[in-house]
């Protein structure tokens, strides 16, 4: 199988990843196209030091970050709590800061990480996050950007960034508990 064919086979998974990160189909298509062009223009850069998909995702991460930087004026993150996160906090925590109900026992999370079905549920949970919150979470946790860079890119205060990340993690925990860890995965 030719290198071009192998690269082309990863297009759909790269596109799914980019859509999840950017929440904009046109931007995602552009990033994936640029990734494939970059990979095909310099196949010698691959060098088979990793899996082809890993290498392509690495290129794609940089393309996504470039897109976010280029379109930062189009990204507006509200400072207000219009997404209802304060209500979620009130339901999950007591006045003294302790959990209202302790988190469910997740058993062996490492075993779940080996499951393709788990990642499908995680992706679905991530897609349910409010767009602004999802963007911040994905930039930090999946694109592995520094908090300082995210604050600079999105004109957020560090405090607001940490609040957004905290709320995103709470929502993801709740979604995973309902859809994965609370019995059979759906």
N, C-alpha and C. Protein backbone atom coordinates (compact mmCIF):
# COMPACT_ATOMS: atom_id res chain seq x y z
N UNK A 1 0.86 -1.17 0.00
CA UNK A 1 0.00 0.00 0.00
C UNK A 1 0.91 1.24 0.00
N UNK A 2 0.54 2.22 -0.80
CA UNK A 2 1.36 3.42 -0.91
C UNK A 2 1.18 4.33 0.32
N UNK A 3 2.16 5.19 0.53
CA UNK A 3 2.11 6.14 1.65
C UNK A 3 0.89 7.03 1.53
N UNK A 4 0.59 7.49 0.32
CA UNK A 4 -0.56 8.36 0.08
C UNK A 4 -1.86 7.68 0.48
N UNK A 5 -1.99 6.41 0.15
CA UNK A 5 -3.20 5.66 0.49
C UNK A 5 -3.33 5.49 2.00
N UNK A 6 -2.21 5.18 2.66
CA UNK A 6 -2.23 5.02 4.12
C UNK A 6 -2.64 6.33 4.80
N UNK A 7 -2.10 7.45 4.32
CA UNK A 7 -2.44 8.75 4.89
C UNK A 7 -3.93 9.04 4.68
N UNK A 8 -4.41 8.78 3.49
CA UNK A 8 -5.82 9.06 3.16
C UNK A 8 -6.77 8.23 4.01
N UNK A 9 -6.37 7.05 4.43
CA UNK A 9 -7.23 6.20 5.24
C UNK A 9 -7.52 6.80 6.61
N UNK A 10 -6.69 7.71 7.08
CA UNK A 10 -6.86 8.31 8.40
C UNK A 10 -7.69 9.59 8.36
N UNK A 11 -8.13 10.00 7.18
CA UNK A 11 -8.84 11.26 7.03
C UNK A 11 -10.09 11.34 7.92
N UNK A 12 -10.90 10.31 7.95
CA UNK A 12 -12.15 10.37 8.71
C UNK A 12 -11.90 10.48 10.21
N UNK A 13 -10.91 9.77 10.74
CA UNK A 13 -10.64 9.88 12.17
C UNK A 13 -10.03 11.23 12.50
N UNK A 14 -9.20 11.76 11.61
CA UNK A 14 -8.64 13.10 11.82
C UNK A 14 -9.74 14.16 11.79
N UNK A 15 -10.67 13.99 10.88
CA UNK A 15 -11.77 14.95 10.76
C UNK A 15 -12.65 14.91 12.01
N UNK A 16 -12.91 13.73 12.53
CA UNK A 16 -13.70 13.60 13.75
C UNK A 16 -12.99 14.29 14.91
N UNK A 17 -11.70 14.11 15.02
CA UNK A 17 -10.90 14.74 16.06
C UNK A 17 -10.93 16.26 15.91
N UNK A 18 -10.74 16.75 14.69
CA UNK A 18 -10.74 18.21 14.47
C UNK A 18 -12.10 18.82 14.74
N UNK A 19 -13.17 18.14 14.36
CA UNK A 19 -14.52 18.66 14.64
C UNK A 19 -14.77 18.75 16.13
N UNK A 20 -14.30 17.78 16.85
CA UNK A 20 -14.48 17.78 18.30
C UNK A 20 -13.71 18.94 18.93
N UNK A 21 -12.54 19.21 18.41
CA UNK A 21 -11.72 20.30 18.95
C UNK A 21 -12.27 21.66 18.59
N UNK A 22 -12.66 21.84 17.34
CA UNK A 22 -12.99 23.17 16.83
C UNK A 22 -14.48 23.50 16.86
N UNK A 23 -15.32 22.47 16.84
CA UNK A 23 -16.77 22.68 16.82
C UNK A 23 -17.21 23.54 15.63
N UNK A 24 -16.50 23.40 14.53
CA UNK A 24 -16.82 24.14 13.31
C UNK A 24 -16.38 23.25 12.15
N UNK A 25 -17.35 22.78 11.37
CA UNK A 25 -17.05 21.83 10.30
C UNK A 25 -16.09 22.40 9.26
N UNK A 26 -16.27 23.65 8.88
CA UNK A 26 -15.41 24.25 7.85
C UNK A 26 -13.97 24.36 8.35
N UNK A 27 -13.80 24.82 9.59
CA UNK A 27 -12.45 24.92 10.16
C UNK A 27 -11.81 23.55 10.25
N UNK A 28 -12.61 22.56 10.67
CA UNK A 28 -12.08 21.20 10.82
C UNK A 28 -11.63 20.66 9.46
N UNK A 29 -12.45 20.85 8.44
CA UNK A 29 -12.09 20.39 7.09
C UNK A 29 -10.78 21.04 6.64
N UNK A 30 -10.65 22.33 6.89
CA UNK A 30 -9.43 23.05 6.50
C UNK A 30 -8.21 22.49 7.22
N UNK A 31 -8.34 22.27 8.53
CA UNK A 31 -7.22 21.74 9.31
C UNK A 31 -6.80 20.36 8.83
N UNK A 32 -7.77 19.51 8.57
CA UNK A 32 -7.45 18.15 8.11
C UNK A 32 -6.80 18.21 6.73
N UNK A 33 -7.33 19.05 5.84
CA UNK A 33 -6.73 19.18 4.51
C UNK A 33 -5.29 19.66 4.61
N UNK A 34 -5.06 20.66 5.46
CA UNK A 34 -3.70 21.17 5.65
C UNK A 34 -2.79 20.10 6.25
N UNK A 35 -3.34 19.30 7.15
CA UNK A 35 -2.56 18.21 7.76
C UNK A 35 -2.16 17.19 6.70
N UNK A 36 -3.12 16.78 5.90
CA UNK A 36 -2.82 15.78 4.86
C UNK A 36 -1.83 16.33 3.84
N UNK A 37 -1.99 17.59 3.46
CA UNK A 37 -1.04 18.21 2.52
C UNK A 37 0.36 18.27 3.12
N UNK A 38 0.44 18.64 4.39
CA UNK A 38 1.75 18.70 5.06
C UNK A 38 2.40 17.33 5.10
N UNK A 39 1.61 16.31 5.42
CA UNK A 39 2.14 14.95 5.50
C UNK A 39 2.59 14.46 4.13
N UNK A 40 1.78 14.73 3.11
CA UNK A 40 2.12 14.24 1.78
C UNK A 40 3.26 15.03 1.13
N UNK A 41 3.42 16.29 1.54
CA UNK A 41 4.50 17.09 0.94
C UNK A 41 5.87 16.72 1.52
N UNK A 42 5.89 16.14 2.71
CA UNK A 42 7.17 15.75 3.33
C UNK A 42 7.06 14.36 3.95
N UNK A 43 6.87 13.33 3.13
CA UNK A 43 6.74 11.98 3.69
C UNK A 43 8.00 11.52 4.42
N UNK A 44 9.16 12.06 4.04
CA UNK A 44 10.41 11.67 4.70
C UNK A 44 10.44 12.11 6.16
N UNK A 45 9.61 13.10 6.53
CA UNK A 45 9.57 13.55 7.92
C UNK A 45 8.95 12.50 8.84
N UNK A 46 8.18 11.59 8.27
CA UNK A 46 7.53 10.56 9.09
C UNK A 46 8.57 9.67 9.74
N UNK A 47 9.43 9.08 8.97
CA UNK A 47 10.53 8.29 9.52
C UNK A 47 10.13 7.06 10.30
N UNK A 48 8.85 6.75 10.42
CA UNK A 48 8.33 5.56 11.11
C UNK A 48 8.84 5.44 12.55
N UNK A 49 8.98 6.59 13.23
CA UNK A 49 9.37 6.56 14.64
C UNK A 49 8.15 6.38 15.55
N UNK A 50 6.97 6.44 14.95
CA UNK A 50 5.71 6.24 15.68
C UNK A 50 4.71 5.67 14.69
N UNK A 51 3.49 5.45 15.17
CA UNK A 51 2.43 5.03 14.28
C UNK A 51 2.08 6.19 13.35
N UNK A 52 1.65 5.91 12.15
CA UNK A 52 1.30 6.96 11.19
C UNK A 52 0.19 7.85 11.75
N UNK A 53 -0.81 7.25 12.38
CA UNK A 53 -1.91 8.03 12.93
C UNK A 53 -1.41 8.98 14.02
N UNK A 54 -0.50 8.53 14.87
CA UNK A 54 0.06 9.37 15.92
C UNK A 54 0.76 10.58 15.32
N UNK A 55 1.53 10.35 14.28
CA UNK A 55 2.25 11.42 13.60
C UNK A 55 1.27 12.42 12.98
N UNK A 56 0.23 11.90 12.33
CA UNK A 56 -0.76 12.77 11.70
C UNK A 56 -1.53 13.60 12.74
N UNK A 57 -1.87 12.98 13.87
CA UNK A 57 -2.57 13.72 14.93
C UNK A 57 -1.66 14.81 15.49
N UNK A 58 -0.38 14.54 15.59
CA UNK A 58 0.57 15.56 16.04
C UNK A 58 0.58 16.76 15.11
N UNK A 59 0.57 16.52 13.82
CA UNK A 59 0.51 17.61 12.84
C UNK A 59 -0.82 18.34 12.98
N UNK A 60 -1.90 17.57 13.11
CA UNK A 60 -3.23 18.15 13.21
C UNK A 60 -3.36 19.04 14.44
N UNK A 61 -2.78 18.63 15.57
CA UNK A 61 -2.85 19.46 16.78
C UNK A 61 -2.28 20.84 16.52
N UNK A 62 -1.16 20.89 15.82
CA UNK A 62 -0.55 22.18 15.51
C UNK A 62 -1.42 23.00 14.55
N UNK A 63 -2.05 22.33 13.61
CA UNK A 63 -2.94 23.03 12.67
C UNK A 63 -4.16 23.59 13.41
N UNK A 64 -4.67 22.83 14.37
CA UNK A 64 -5.82 23.29 15.16
C UNK A 64 -5.43 24.51 16.00
N UNK A 65 -4.28 24.44 16.63
CA UNK A 65 -3.82 25.58 17.43
C UNK A 65 -3.63 26.80 16.54
N UNK A 66 -3.06 26.61 15.36
CA UNK A 66 -2.90 27.73 14.42
C UNK A 66 -4.25 28.32 14.04
N UNK A 67 -5.23 27.46 13.80
CA UNK A 67 -6.57 27.93 13.44
C UNK A 67 -7.19 28.70 14.58
N UNK A 68 -7.07 28.19 15.80
CA UNK A 68 -7.63 28.90 16.94
C UNK A 68 -6.98 30.28 17.11
N UNK A 69 -5.69 30.34 16.90
CA UNK A 69 -4.99 31.63 17.00
C UNK A 69 -5.46 32.58 15.90
N UNK A 70 -5.58 32.08 14.70
CA UNK A 70 -5.97 32.93 13.58
C UNK A 70 -7.41 33.42 13.72
N UNK A 71 -8.24 32.65 14.37
CA UNK A 71 -9.65 32.99 14.48
C UNK A 71 -10.05 33.42 15.88
N UNK A 72 -9.07 33.83 16.67
CA UNK A 72 -9.36 34.16 18.07
C UNK A 72 -10.40 35.25 18.22
N UNK A 73 -10.50 36.15 17.27
CA UNK A 73 -11.51 37.21 17.38
C UNK A 73 -12.92 36.66 17.20
N UNK A 74 -13.03 35.51 16.53
CA UNK A 74 -14.34 34.91 16.32
C UNK A 74 -14.79 34.09 17.52
N UNK A 75 -13.88 33.79 18.43
CA UNK A 75 -14.19 32.98 19.62
C UNK A 75 -14.56 33.93 20.74
N UNK A 76 -15.78 33.84 21.20
CA UNK A 76 -16.23 34.69 22.30
C UNK A 76 -16.66 33.80 23.46
N UNK A 77 -15.92 33.84 24.53
CA UNK A 77 -16.26 33.07 25.72
C UNK A 77 -16.96 33.98 26.71
N UNK A 78 -18.16 33.65 27.11
CA UNK A 78 -18.87 34.50 28.05
C UNK A 78 -18.27 34.42 29.44
N UNK A 79 -18.19 35.55 30.10
CA UNK A 79 -17.74 35.57 31.50
C UNK A 79 -18.90 35.20 32.42
N UNK A 80 -20.12 35.34 31.92
CA UNK A 80 -21.28 35.05 32.76
C UNK A 80 -21.50 33.55 32.86
N UNK A 81 -22.43 33.17 33.68
CA UNK A 81 -22.73 31.76 33.88
C UNK A 81 -23.98 31.37 33.10
N UNK A 82 -24.02 31.76 31.83
CA UNK A 82 -25.20 31.51 31.00
C UNK A 82 -25.40 30.02 30.71
N UNK A 83 -24.38 29.20 30.98
CA UNK A 83 -24.52 27.77 30.68
C UNK A 83 -25.09 26.97 31.85
N UNK A 84 -25.46 27.63 32.93
CA UNK A 84 -26.10 26.95 34.06
C UNK A 84 -25.13 26.20 34.94
N UNK A 85 -23.85 26.49 34.87
CA UNK A 85 -22.86 25.75 35.65
C UNK A 85 -22.99 25.98 37.14
N UNK A 86 -23.43 27.17 37.54
CA UNK A 86 -23.59 27.42 38.98
C UNK A 86 -24.66 26.49 39.56
N UNK A 87 -25.70 26.24 38.77
CA UNK A 87 -26.74 25.30 39.22
C UNK A 87 -26.16 23.91 39.39
N UNK A 88 -25.30 23.49 38.45
CA UNK A 88 -24.65 22.19 38.54
C UNK A 88 -23.78 22.12 39.80
N UNK A 89 -23.01 23.19 40.05
CA UNK A 89 -22.18 23.24 41.26
C UNK A 89 -23.05 23.10 42.51
N UNK A 90 -24.18 23.81 42.54
CA UNK A 90 -25.06 23.77 43.71
C UNK A 90 -25.63 22.37 43.93
N UNK A 91 -25.92 21.65 42.85
CA UNK A 91 -26.46 20.30 42.97
C UNK A 91 -25.40 19.29 43.42
N UNK A 92 -24.16 19.51 43.03
CA UNK A 92 -23.11 18.54 43.29
C UNK A 92 -22.38 18.76 44.60
N UNK A 93 -22.43 20.00 45.14
CA UNK A 93 -21.65 20.30 46.33
C UNK A 93 -22.52 20.88 47.43
N UNK A 94 -22.11 20.59 48.66
CA UNK A 94 -22.75 21.19 49.82
C UNK A 94 -22.14 22.57 50.04
N UNK A 95 -22.73 23.33 50.94
CA UNK A 95 -22.25 24.69 51.23
C UNK A 95 -20.81 24.68 51.74
N UNK A 96 -20.40 23.59 52.40
CA UNK A 96 -19.03 23.54 52.93
C UNK A 96 -18.01 23.05 51.90
N UNK A 97 -18.46 22.80 50.66
CA UNK A 97 -17.55 22.41 49.59
C UNK A 97 -17.42 20.91 49.38
N UNK A 98 -18.01 20.09 50.26
CA UNK A 98 -17.96 18.64 50.09
C UNK A 98 -19.02 18.21 49.07
N UNK A 99 -18.77 17.04 48.46
CA UNK A 99 -19.74 16.51 47.51
C UNK A 99 -21.08 16.26 48.19
N UNK A 100 -22.17 16.58 47.52
CA UNK A 100 -23.50 16.28 48.03
C UNK A 100 -23.68 14.76 48.06
N UNK A 101 -23.26 14.10 46.99
CA UNK A 101 -23.21 12.63 46.95
C UNK A 101 -21.81 12.27 46.45
N UNK A 102 -21.14 11.36 47.12
CA UNK A 102 -19.77 11.02 46.71
C UNK A 102 -19.75 10.49 45.28
N UNK A 103 -18.64 10.68 44.58
CA UNK A 103 -18.52 10.15 43.23
C UNK A 103 -18.69 8.63 43.23
N UNK A 104 -19.23 8.12 42.15
CA UNK A 104 -19.42 6.68 42.02
C UNK A 104 -18.07 5.97 41.94
N UNK A 105 -18.05 4.71 42.32
CA UNK A 105 -16.84 3.91 42.20
C UNK A 105 -16.64 3.57 40.73
N UNK A 106 -15.53 4.00 40.19
CA UNK A 106 -15.27 3.79 38.76
C UNK A 106 -14.54 2.48 38.51
N UNK A 107 -14.37 1.67 39.51
CA UNK A 107 -13.71 0.39 39.31
C UNK A 107 -12.27 0.58 38.86
N UNK A 108 -11.92 0.00 37.75
CA UNK A 108 -10.56 0.08 37.20
C UNK A 108 -10.57 0.98 35.97
N UNK A 109 -10.29 2.28 36.13
CA UNK A 109 -10.32 3.18 34.98
C UNK A 109 -9.36 2.79 33.87
N UNK A 110 -8.23 2.18 34.21
CA UNK A 110 -7.27 1.77 33.19
C UNK A 110 -7.88 0.75 32.24
N UNK A 111 -8.74 -0.10 32.76
CA UNK A 111 -9.41 -1.08 31.92
C UNK A 111 -10.35 -0.37 30.94
N UNK A 112 -11.04 0.65 31.42
CA UNK A 112 -11.95 1.41 30.56
C UNK A 112 -11.18 2.12 29.45
N UNK A 113 -9.97 2.60 29.76
CA UNK A 113 -9.18 3.30 28.75
C UNK A 113 -8.81 2.40 27.58
N UNK A 114 -8.79 1.11 27.80
CA UNK A 114 -8.48 0.17 26.74
C UNK A 114 -9.67 -0.12 25.85
N UNK A 115 -10.80 0.42 26.17
CA UNK A 115 -12.02 0.13 25.42
C UNK A 115 -12.34 1.23 24.41
N UNK A 116 -12.52 0.84 23.17
CA UNK A 116 -12.90 1.79 22.11
C UNK A 116 -14.27 2.39 22.44
N UNK A 117 -15.15 1.57 23.03
CA UNK A 117 -16.49 2.03 23.38
C UNK A 117 -16.42 3.16 24.42
N UNK A 118 -15.47 3.06 25.35
CA UNK A 118 -15.31 4.12 26.35
C UNK A 118 -15.00 5.45 25.66
N UNK A 119 -14.11 5.42 24.68
CA UNK A 119 -13.74 6.66 24.00
C UNK A 119 -14.89 7.22 23.18
N UNK A 120 -15.75 6.36 22.69
CA UNK A 120 -16.95 6.84 21.99
C UNK A 120 -17.88 7.56 22.97
N UNK A 121 -18.03 7.01 24.17
CA UNK A 121 -18.86 7.64 25.19
C UNK A 121 -18.21 8.95 25.64
N UNK A 122 -16.89 8.95 25.85
CA UNK A 122 -16.18 10.16 26.24
C UNK A 122 -16.33 11.25 25.18
N UNK A 123 -16.22 10.88 23.91
CA UNK A 123 -16.38 11.85 22.83
C UNK A 123 -17.81 12.41 22.81
N UNK A 124 -18.79 11.55 23.01
CA UNK A 124 -20.18 12.00 23.05
C UNK A 124 -20.40 12.95 24.23
N UNK A 125 -19.81 12.64 25.37
CA UNK A 125 -19.93 13.51 26.55
C UNK A 125 -19.27 14.86 26.29
N UNK A 126 -18.14 14.84 25.64
CA UNK A 126 -17.43 16.09 25.33
C UNK A 126 -18.25 16.94 24.37
N UNK A 127 -18.91 16.31 23.43
CA UNK A 127 -19.74 17.05 22.47
C UNK A 127 -20.93 17.72 23.14
N UNK A 128 -21.35 17.20 24.30
CA UNK A 128 -22.49 17.77 25.02
C UNK A 128 -22.11 19.00 25.84
N UNK A 129 -20.82 19.24 26.03
CA UNK A 129 -20.39 20.42 26.77
C UNK A 129 -20.79 21.69 26.02
N UNK A 130 -21.10 22.77 26.74
CA UNK A 130 -21.33 24.05 26.06
C UNK A 130 -20.09 24.39 25.23
N UNK A 131 -20.27 24.99 24.05
CA UNK A 131 -19.13 25.23 23.15
C UNK A 131 -17.95 25.96 23.78
N UNK A 132 -18.19 27.01 24.52
CA UNK A 132 -17.09 27.78 25.12
C UNK A 132 -16.33 26.92 26.12
N UNK A 133 -17.06 26.17 26.93
CA UNK A 133 -16.44 25.32 27.93
C UNK A 133 -15.67 24.17 27.27
N UNK A 134 -16.24 23.62 26.24
CA UNK A 134 -15.59 22.53 25.52
C UNK A 134 -14.29 23.00 24.89
N UNK A 135 -14.31 24.18 24.30
CA UNK A 135 -13.11 24.71 23.65
C UNK A 135 -11.97 24.84 24.67
N UNK A 136 -12.27 25.40 25.83
CA UNK A 136 -11.25 25.58 26.86
C UNK A 136 -10.74 24.22 27.32
N UNK A 137 -11.64 23.29 27.59
CA UNK A 137 -11.26 21.96 28.06
C UNK A 137 -10.40 21.24 27.03
N UNK A 138 -10.82 21.26 25.78
CA UNK A 138 -10.08 20.55 24.75
C UNK A 138 -8.72 21.18 24.49
N UNK A 139 -8.64 22.51 24.56
CA UNK A 139 -7.34 23.16 24.39
C UNK A 139 -6.37 22.73 25.48
N UNK A 140 -6.87 22.63 26.71
CA UNK A 140 -6.00 22.28 27.84
C UNK A 140 -5.68 20.80 27.89
N UNK A 141 -6.69 19.97 27.81
CA UNK A 141 -6.50 18.54 28.05
C UNK A 141 -6.14 17.73 26.81
N UNK A 142 -6.65 18.10 25.66
CA UNK A 142 -6.39 17.29 24.47
C UNK A 142 -5.31 17.88 23.59
N UNK A 143 -5.32 19.21 23.47
CA UNK A 143 -4.26 19.85 22.70
C UNK A 143 -3.03 20.10 23.56
N UNK A 144 -3.18 19.94 24.87
CA UNK A 144 -2.11 20.06 25.85
C UNK A 144 -1.44 21.44 25.81
N UNK A 145 -2.26 22.47 25.59
CA UNK A 145 -1.74 23.83 25.61
C UNK A 145 -1.54 24.27 27.06
N UNK A 146 -0.56 25.13 27.30
CA UNK A 146 -0.34 25.68 28.63
C UNK A 146 -1.49 26.60 28.99
N UNK A 147 -1.81 26.64 30.28
CA UNK A 147 -2.89 27.51 30.75
C UNK A 147 -2.62 28.96 30.38
N UNK A 148 -1.39 29.37 30.50
CA UNK A 148 -1.02 30.75 30.17
C UNK A 148 -1.33 31.06 28.70
N UNK A 149 -1.02 30.12 27.81
CA UNK A 149 -1.28 30.32 26.39
C UNK A 149 -2.78 30.38 26.11
N UNK A 150 -3.54 29.54 26.78
CA UNK A 150 -5.00 29.54 26.58
C UNK A 150 -5.58 30.88 27.04
N UNK A 151 -5.14 31.35 28.19
CA UNK A 151 -5.62 32.64 28.70
C UNK A 151 -5.30 33.75 27.70
N UNK A 152 -4.11 33.71 27.15
CA UNK A 152 -3.69 34.73 26.19
C UNK A 152 -4.51 34.63 24.91
N UNK A 153 -4.68 33.42 24.40
CA UNK A 153 -5.41 33.22 23.15
C UNK A 153 -6.87 33.62 23.25
N UNK A 154 -7.49 33.32 24.39
CA UNK A 154 -8.93 33.55 24.53
C UNK A 154 -9.27 34.75 25.41
N UNK A 155 -8.25 35.49 25.80
CA UNK A 155 -8.44 36.69 26.63
C UNK A 155 -9.22 36.36 27.91
N UNK A 156 -8.78 35.30 28.58
CA UNK A 156 -9.39 34.88 29.85
C UNK A 156 -8.45 35.19 30.99
N UNK A 157 -9.02 35.40 32.15
CA UNK A 157 -8.20 35.49 33.34
C UNK A 157 -7.87 34.07 33.78
N UNK A 158 -6.77 33.86 34.48
CA UNK A 158 -6.46 32.51 34.97
C UNK A 158 -7.58 31.95 35.84
N UNK A 159 -8.19 32.80 36.64
CA UNK A 159 -9.28 32.34 37.50
C UNK A 159 -10.45 31.82 36.67
N UNK A 160 -10.82 32.59 35.63
CA UNK A 160 -11.92 32.16 34.79
C UNK A 160 -11.59 30.86 34.07
N UNK A 161 -10.35 30.73 33.62
CA UNK A 161 -9.93 29.49 32.96
C UNK A 161 -10.10 28.30 33.90
N UNK A 162 -9.63 28.43 35.14
CA UNK A 162 -9.72 27.32 36.08
C UNK A 162 -11.18 27.00 36.43
N UNK A 163 -12.02 28.01 36.50
CA UNK A 163 -13.44 27.78 36.75
C UNK A 163 -14.05 27.02 35.58
N UNK A 164 -13.74 27.46 34.36
CA UNK A 164 -14.27 26.78 33.17
C UNK A 164 -13.81 25.32 33.13
N UNK A 165 -12.52 25.08 33.41
CA UNK A 165 -11.99 23.71 33.40
C UNK A 165 -12.65 22.86 34.49
N UNK A 166 -12.83 23.44 35.66
CA UNK A 166 -13.48 22.72 36.76
C UNK A 166 -14.90 22.32 36.36
N UNK A 167 -15.64 23.24 35.80
CA UNK A 167 -17.02 22.96 35.41
C UNK A 167 -17.08 21.94 34.29
N UNK A 168 -16.16 22.01 33.35
CA UNK A 168 -16.12 21.03 32.27
C UNK A 168 -15.85 19.64 32.83
N UNK A 169 -14.91 19.54 33.75
CA UNK A 169 -14.59 18.24 34.34
C UNK A 169 -15.77 17.69 35.14
N UNK A 170 -16.49 18.56 35.84
CA UNK A 170 -17.67 18.12 36.58
C UNK A 170 -18.73 17.56 35.63
N UNK A 171 -18.96 18.27 34.54
CA UNK A 171 -19.96 17.80 33.57
C UNK A 171 -19.54 16.49 32.93
N UNK A 172 -18.25 16.38 32.60
CA UNK A 172 -17.78 15.13 32.00
C UNK A 172 -17.88 13.98 32.99
N UNK A 173 -17.54 14.25 34.25
CA UNK A 173 -17.66 13.20 35.27
C UNK A 173 -19.11 12.73 35.38
N UNK A 174 -20.02 13.69 35.43
CA UNK A 174 -21.43 13.34 35.54
C UNK A 174 -21.89 12.53 34.34
N UNK A 175 -21.50 12.96 33.15
CA UNK A 175 -21.90 12.25 31.93
C UNK A 175 -21.31 10.84 31.89
N UNK A 176 -20.03 10.71 32.25
CA UNK A 176 -19.39 9.39 32.26
C UNK A 176 -20.02 8.48 33.30
N UNK A 177 -20.35 9.02 34.46
CA UNK A 177 -20.99 8.20 35.48
C UNK A 177 -22.34 7.69 35.00
N UNK A 178 -23.08 8.54 34.30
CA UNK A 178 -24.40 8.13 33.81
C UNK A 178 -24.31 7.17 32.63
N UNK A 179 -23.36 7.40 31.74
CA UNK A 179 -23.33 6.67 30.48
C UNK A 179 -22.28 5.58 30.38
N UNK A 180 -21.38 5.49 31.36
CA UNK A 180 -20.37 4.44 31.27
C UNK A 180 -20.22 3.68 32.58
N UNK A 181 -19.93 4.39 33.66
CA UNK A 181 -19.58 3.73 34.91
C UNK A 181 -20.78 3.26 35.72
N UNK A 182 -21.98 3.67 35.38
CA UNK A 182 -23.16 3.31 36.16
C UNK A 182 -23.77 2.01 35.66
N UNK A 183 -22.96 1.10 35.29
CA UNK A 183 -23.51 -0.17 34.81
C UNK A 183 -22.99 -0.44 33.43
N UNK A 184 -23.85 -0.92 32.58
CA UNK A 184 -23.42 -1.26 31.23
C UNK A 184 -23.33 0.00 30.38
N UNK A 185 -22.26 0.12 29.55
CA UNK A 185 -22.12 1.28 28.70
C UNK A 185 -23.23 1.33 27.68
N UNK A 186 -23.67 2.57 27.40
CA UNK A 186 -24.74 2.73 26.42
C UNK A 186 -24.18 3.20 25.10
